[in-house]
Amino acid sequence: MEISFNGKRALVTGASQGIGRDIVKQLATCGAEVIAVSRSTDLLASLQQEVPSIKIVAVDLSNWSATKEALSNIGLIDLLVNNAGLAILEPLLDVTEEHVDQLFGINVKALINVTQIVAKDLMARKAPGAIVNVSSQASMAGLQDHTVYCATKGAVDAFTRACALELGPHNIRVNSVNPTVIMTAMGRLGWSDPAKANPMLEKIPLRRFGEVKEVVDAVLYLLSNRSSMITGTCLPIDGGFLAV
């Protein structure tokens, strides 16, 4: 199934590494004009060297007003991927106010802010649009030492459904993808210890972790007209983890 985004402009947050970086590359390969957003200037610069056609914006998305200012002159956006995310994993009794603020600041507050910016423009133009939020299986299942992270991703899913309801009459679709552990460079490092990985793998019927491409493919499908009747959906990419 071929997907083309010729003539479309896409904005991707958390674009400098991991899943976001590959989403940017694939969107550009499929013909989209891509705006890559991250707080890492160096990583954005290296991404632009790989994909010279993209535009880059460096901003700390946890800063509401700075984000609005940084994105005020990016032009028209048709497609949005809210990929920026933060994980601080610790037992509930070790959680600090600072960590709660940091996690909700990126995983929820920043996502709402960027969605509002893009949706306002789409509605003003009466243009169709598609938004994909990168959530997690942690939104639907309790995970050890993930209490606040689980709470933020649960908020992402709830926001996705409510946003789809509100924006649907304007022909703007909103969905999320909910991956299990994905083998980014950081994922391979963090889950390299069999003592940590094996208990998780035993809960996944396919008995493996996900690959970046498997998330990217799902995101592109949900952004494309191939999924034109899908909105308000939270799509697990988890090898069956949530089915157990």
Protein backbone atom coordinates (compact mmCIF):
# COMPACT_ATOMS: atom_id res chain seq x y z
CA MET A 1 0.00 0.00 0.00
CA GLU A 2 1.61 3.21 -1.15
CA ILE A 3 1.05 6.39 0.83
CA SER A 4 1.72 9.85 -0.60
CA PHE A 5 1.79 13.12 1.27
CA ASN A 6 2.63 15.28 -1.74
CA GLY A 7 1.42 18.83 -1.15
CA LYS A 8 1.00 18.26 2.61
CA ARG A 9 2.87 20.01 5.40
CA ALA A 10 3.55 18.03 8.57
CA LEU A 11 4.78 19.02 12.01
CA VAL A 12 6.51 16.43 14.21
CA THR A 13 7.45 17.07 17.83
CA GLY A 14 10.18 15.14 19.59
CA ALA A 15 11.68 14.87 16.13
CA SER A 16 15.39 14.78 16.84
CA GLN A 17 15.82 11.13 17.83
CA GLY A 18 14.16 7.75 18.21
CA ILE A 19 10.70 7.23 16.75
CA GLY A 20 10.22 10.92 15.93
CA ARG A 21 13.36 11.08 13.84
CA ASP A 22 12.24 8.14 11.71
CA ILE A 23 8.74 9.61 11.34
CA VAL A 24 10.30 12.78 9.94
CA LYS A 25 12.40 10.82 7.47
CA GLN A 26 9.51 8.70 6.25
CA LEU A 27 7.11 11.63 5.92
CA ALA A 28 9.71 13.41 3.80
CA THR A 29 10.23 10.27 1.70
CA CYS A 30 6.46 10.18 1.11
CA GLY A 31 6.50 13.74 -0.21
CA ALA A 32 5.51 15.85 2.80
CA GLU A 33 7.15 19.14 3.70
CA VAL A 34 8.17 18.49 7.30
CA ILE A 35 8.77 20.81 10.23
CA ALA A 36 10.82 19.00 12.87
CA VAL A 37 10.51 20.30 16.43
CA SER A 38 12.78 19.46 19.35
CA ARG A 39 14.72 21.21 22.09
CA SER A 40 18.03 19.72 20.87
CA THR A 41 19.61 22.09 18.38
CA ASP A 42 22.52 19.76 17.64
CA LEU A 43 20.35 16.72 16.94
CA LEU A 44 18.00 18.77 14.78
CA ALA A 45 20.97 20.05 12.79
CA SER A 46 22.20 16.49 12.19
CA LEU A 47 18.69 15.46 11.11
CA GLN A 48 18.57 18.33 8.65
CA GLN A 49 21.90 17.18 7.23
CA GLU A 50 20.28 13.79 6.58
CA VAL A 51 17.07 15.31 5.20
CA PRO A 52 17.90 18.75 3.77
CA SER A 53 14.30 19.43 2.72
CA ILE A 54 12.99 19.69 6.28
CA LYS A 55 12.63 22.80 8.38
CA ILE A 56 13.72 22.69 12.02
CA VAL A 57 12.46 24.51 15.11
CA ALA A 58 14.30 24.31 18.43
CA VAL A 59 12.12 25.01 21.47
CA ASP A 60 11.43 23.62 24.94
CA LEU A 61 7.86 22.40 24.49
CA SER A 62 7.23 22.49 28.24
CA ASN A 63 7.30 26.29 27.97
CA TRP A 64 3.77 27.19 26.81
CA SER A 65 4.44 30.76 25.66
CA ALA A 66 7.82 29.99 24.08
CA THR A 67 6.20 27.19 22.08
CA LYS A 68 3.44 29.46 20.81
CA GLU A 69 6.02 32.05 19.78
CA ALA A 70 8.31 29.51 18.11
CA LEU A 71 5.46 28.01 16.09
CA SER A 72 3.73 31.29 15.25
CA ASN A 73 5.36 31.63 11.82
CA ILE A 74 5.67 28.05 10.63
CA GLY A 75 2.94 28.41 8.03
CA LEU A 76 0.11 26.04 7.22
CA ILE A 77 0.09 22.60 8.82
CA ASP A 78 -2.03 19.69 7.55
CA LEU A 79 -0.63 16.86 9.61
CA LEU A 80 0.57 16.77 13.22
CA VAL A 81 2.45 14.07 15.14
CA ASN A 82 2.67 14.76 18.87
CA ASN A 83 5.63 12.50 19.56
CA ALA A 84 7.56 14.44 22.22
CA GLY A 85 7.58 12.51 25.45
CA LEU A 86 9.44 12.10 28.71
CA ALA A 87 9.81 9.03 30.93
CA ILE A 88 10.90 9.24 34.56
CA LEU A 89 10.39 5.81 36.10
CA GLU A 90 10.41 5.40 39.86
CA PRO A 91 8.35 3.91 42.69
CA LEU A 92 5.32 5.94 43.75
CA LEU A 93 6.82 6.82 47.13
CA ASP A 94 9.88 8.34 45.43
CA VAL A 95 7.88 10.61 43.13
CA THR A 96 8.62 14.31 43.56
CA GLU A 97 6.60 17.35 42.63
CA GLU A 98 9.31 18.32 40.16
CA HIS A 99 9.04 14.99 38.36
CA VAL A 100 5.24 15.23 38.23
CA ASP A 101 5.49 18.69 36.71
CA GLN A 102 8.13 17.59 34.21
CA LEU A 103 6.19 14.54 33.05
CA PHE A 104 2.84 16.27 32.71
CA GLY A 105 4.55 19.34 31.22
CA ILE A 106 5.87 17.41 28.23
CA ASN A 107 3.54 14.44 27.89
CA VAL A 108 0.26 16.32 28.35
CA LYS A 109 0.55 20.10 28.54
CA ALA A 110 2.85 20.47 25.53
CA LEU A 111 0.69 18.09 23.49
CA ILE A 112 -2.43 20.14 24.24
CA ASN A 113 -0.66 23.38 23.37
CA VAL A 114 0.69 22.19 20.00
CA THR A 115 -2.62 20.56 19.09
CA GLN A 116 -4.44 23.80 19.84
CA ILE A 117 -2.07 25.78 17.62
CA VAL A 118 -2.51 23.42 14.67
CA ALA A 119 -6.26 22.89 15.13
CA LYS A 120 -6.96 26.63 15.26
CA ASP A 121 -5.22 27.09 11.92
CA LEU A 122 -6.98 24.12 10.31
CA MET A 123 -10.38 25.34 11.49
CA ALA A 124 -9.70 28.90 10.34
CA ARG A 125 -8.86 27.57 6.86
CA LYS A 126 -11.71 25.02 6.93
CA ALA A 127 -9.09 22.50 5.90
CA PRO A 128 -9.07 18.76 6.62
CA GLY A 129 -6.35 17.51 8.92
CA ALA A 130 -4.98 14.51 10.76
CA ILE A 131 -3.34 14.37 14.18
CA VAL A 132 -1.57 11.38 15.74
CA ASN A 133 -0.54 11.36 19.38
CA VAL A 134 2.18 8.95 20.46
CA SER A 135 0.89 7.36 23.64
CA SER A 136 1.89 4.04 25.22
CA GLN A 137 0.63 0.67 26.36
CA ALA A 138 1.19 2.22 29.80
CA SER A 139 -2.03 4.17 29.27
CA MET A 140 -4.02 0.95 29.41
CA ALA A 141 -2.04 -1.27 31.80
CA GLY A 142 -0.35 -0.62 35.10
CA LEU A 143 3.42 -1.05 34.91
CA GLN A 144 5.85 -1.31 37.80
CA ASP A 145 7.46 2.04 38.73
CA HIS A 146 5.44 3.82 36.02
CA THR A 147 2.74 5.47 38.16
CA VAL A 148 3.08 9.05 36.95
CA TYR A 149 4.08 8.03 33.43
CA CYS A 150 0.99 5.80 33.23
CA ALA A 151 -1.12 8.73 34.42
CA THR A 152 0.24 11.03 31.70
CA LYS A 153 -0.35 8.50 28.94
CA GLY A 154 -3.85 7.82 30.24
CA ALA A 155 -4.41 11.56 29.88
CA VAL A 156 -3.11 11.42 26.30
CA ASP A 157 -5.66 8.75 25.40
CA ALA A 158 -8.52 10.62 27.06
CA PHE A 159 -7.48 13.81 25.27
CA THR A 160 -7.32 11.92 21.97
CA ARG A 161 -10.92 10.72 22.30
CA ALA A 162 -12.32 14.06 23.44
CA CYS A 163 -10.33 15.94 20.80
CA ALA A 164 -11.63 13.61 18.08
CA LEU A 165 -15.18 14.33 19.21
CA GLU A 166 -14.65 18.10 19.14
CA LEU A 167 -12.67 18.32 15.91
CA GLY A 168 -14.48 15.65 13.90
CA PRO A 169 -17.18 18.03 12.60
CA HIS A 170 -14.33 20.12 11.16
CA ASN A 171 -12.96 17.09 9.25
CA ILE A 172 -9.94 16.84 11.53
CA ARG A 173 -9.14 13.31 12.65
CA VAL A 174 -7.33 12.57 15.92
CA ASN A 175 -5.89 9.18 16.89
CA SER A 176 -3.14 7.78 19.06
CA VAL A 177 -0.68 4.92 18.76
CA ASN A 178 0.16 2.98 21.92
CA PRO A 179 3.44 1.10 21.58
CA THR A 180 5.04 -1.46 23.83
CA VAL A 181 8.82 -1.32 24.35
CA ILE A 182 10.32 -0.21 21.03
CA MET A 183 13.86 -0.97 19.98
CA THR A 184 15.17 2.54 19.52
CA ALA A 185 18.82 3.01 20.46
CA MET A 186 17.69 3.89 23.97
CA GLY A 187 15.24 0.98 24.04
CA ARG A 188 17.98 -1.49 23.14
CA LEU A 189 20.17 -0.09 25.90
CA GLY A 190 17.43 0.07 28.54
CA TRP A 191 16.10 -3.43 27.88
CA SER A 192 19.36 -5.27 27.19
CA ASP A 193 19.38 -7.00 30.58
CA PRO A 194 17.48 -10.32 30.30
CA ALA A 195 16.48 -10.08 33.95
CA LYS A 196 14.52 -6.94 33.08
CA ALA A 197 13.44 -7.85 29.55
CA ASN A 198 12.28 -11.45 29.99
CA PRO A 199 9.37 -10.77 32.37
CA MET A 200 8.01 -8.18 29.92
CA LEU A 201 8.57 -10.44 26.91
CA GLU A 202 6.64 -13.22 28.65
CA LYS A 203 3.58 -10.92 28.68
CA ILE A 204 3.82 -10.27 24.93
CA PRO A 205 2.25 -13.08 22.86
CA LEU A 206 4.60 -12.38 19.93
CA ARG A 207 7.53 -12.75 22.36
CA ARG A 208 9.47 -9.77 21.08
CA PHE A 209 9.66 -6.02 21.44
CA GLY A 210 8.59 -3.66 18.66
CA GLU A 211 10.77 -2.10 15.98
CA VAL A 212 10.71 1.61 15.16
CA LYS A 213 9.42 0.95 11.65
CA GLU A 214 6.34 -0.77 13.06
CA VAL A 215 5.35 2.40 14.90
CA VAL A 216 6.24 4.68 11.99
CA ASP A 217 4.12 2.64 9.57
CA ALA A 218 1.10 2.88 11.88
CA VAL A 219 1.55 6.63 12.33
CA LEU A 220 1.76 7.22 8.59
CA TYR A 221 -1.33 5.10 8.00
CA LEU A 222 -3.33 7.12 10.54
CA LEU A 223 -2.13 10.38 8.99
CA SER A 224 -3.08 9.27 5.49
CA ASN A 225 -6.36 9.18 3.62
CA ARG A 226 -6.15 5.38 3.84
CA SER A 227 -7.57 5.77 7.36
CA SER A 228 -10.17 8.39 6.43
CA MET A 229 -12.92 6.82 8.58
CA ILE A 230 -10.75 6.31 11.67
CA THR A 231 -10.77 8.86 14.47
CA GLY A 232 -10.78 8.73 18.26
CA THR A 233 -8.91 5.42 18.20
CA CYS A 234 -6.03 4.40 20.47
CA LEU A 235 -4.13 1.77 18.51
CA PRO A 236 -1.95 -0.66 20.46
CA ILE A 237 1.32 -1.62 18.78
CA ASP A 238 2.18 -4.11 21.46
CA GLY A 239 2.43 -7.63 20.06
CA GLY A 240 -0.69 -8.54 22.01
CA PHE A 241 0.48 -7.30 25.45
CA LEU A 242 -2.89 -5.77 26.22
CA ALA A 243 -4.76 -8.89 25.13
CA VAL A 244 -3.30 -10.96 27.96
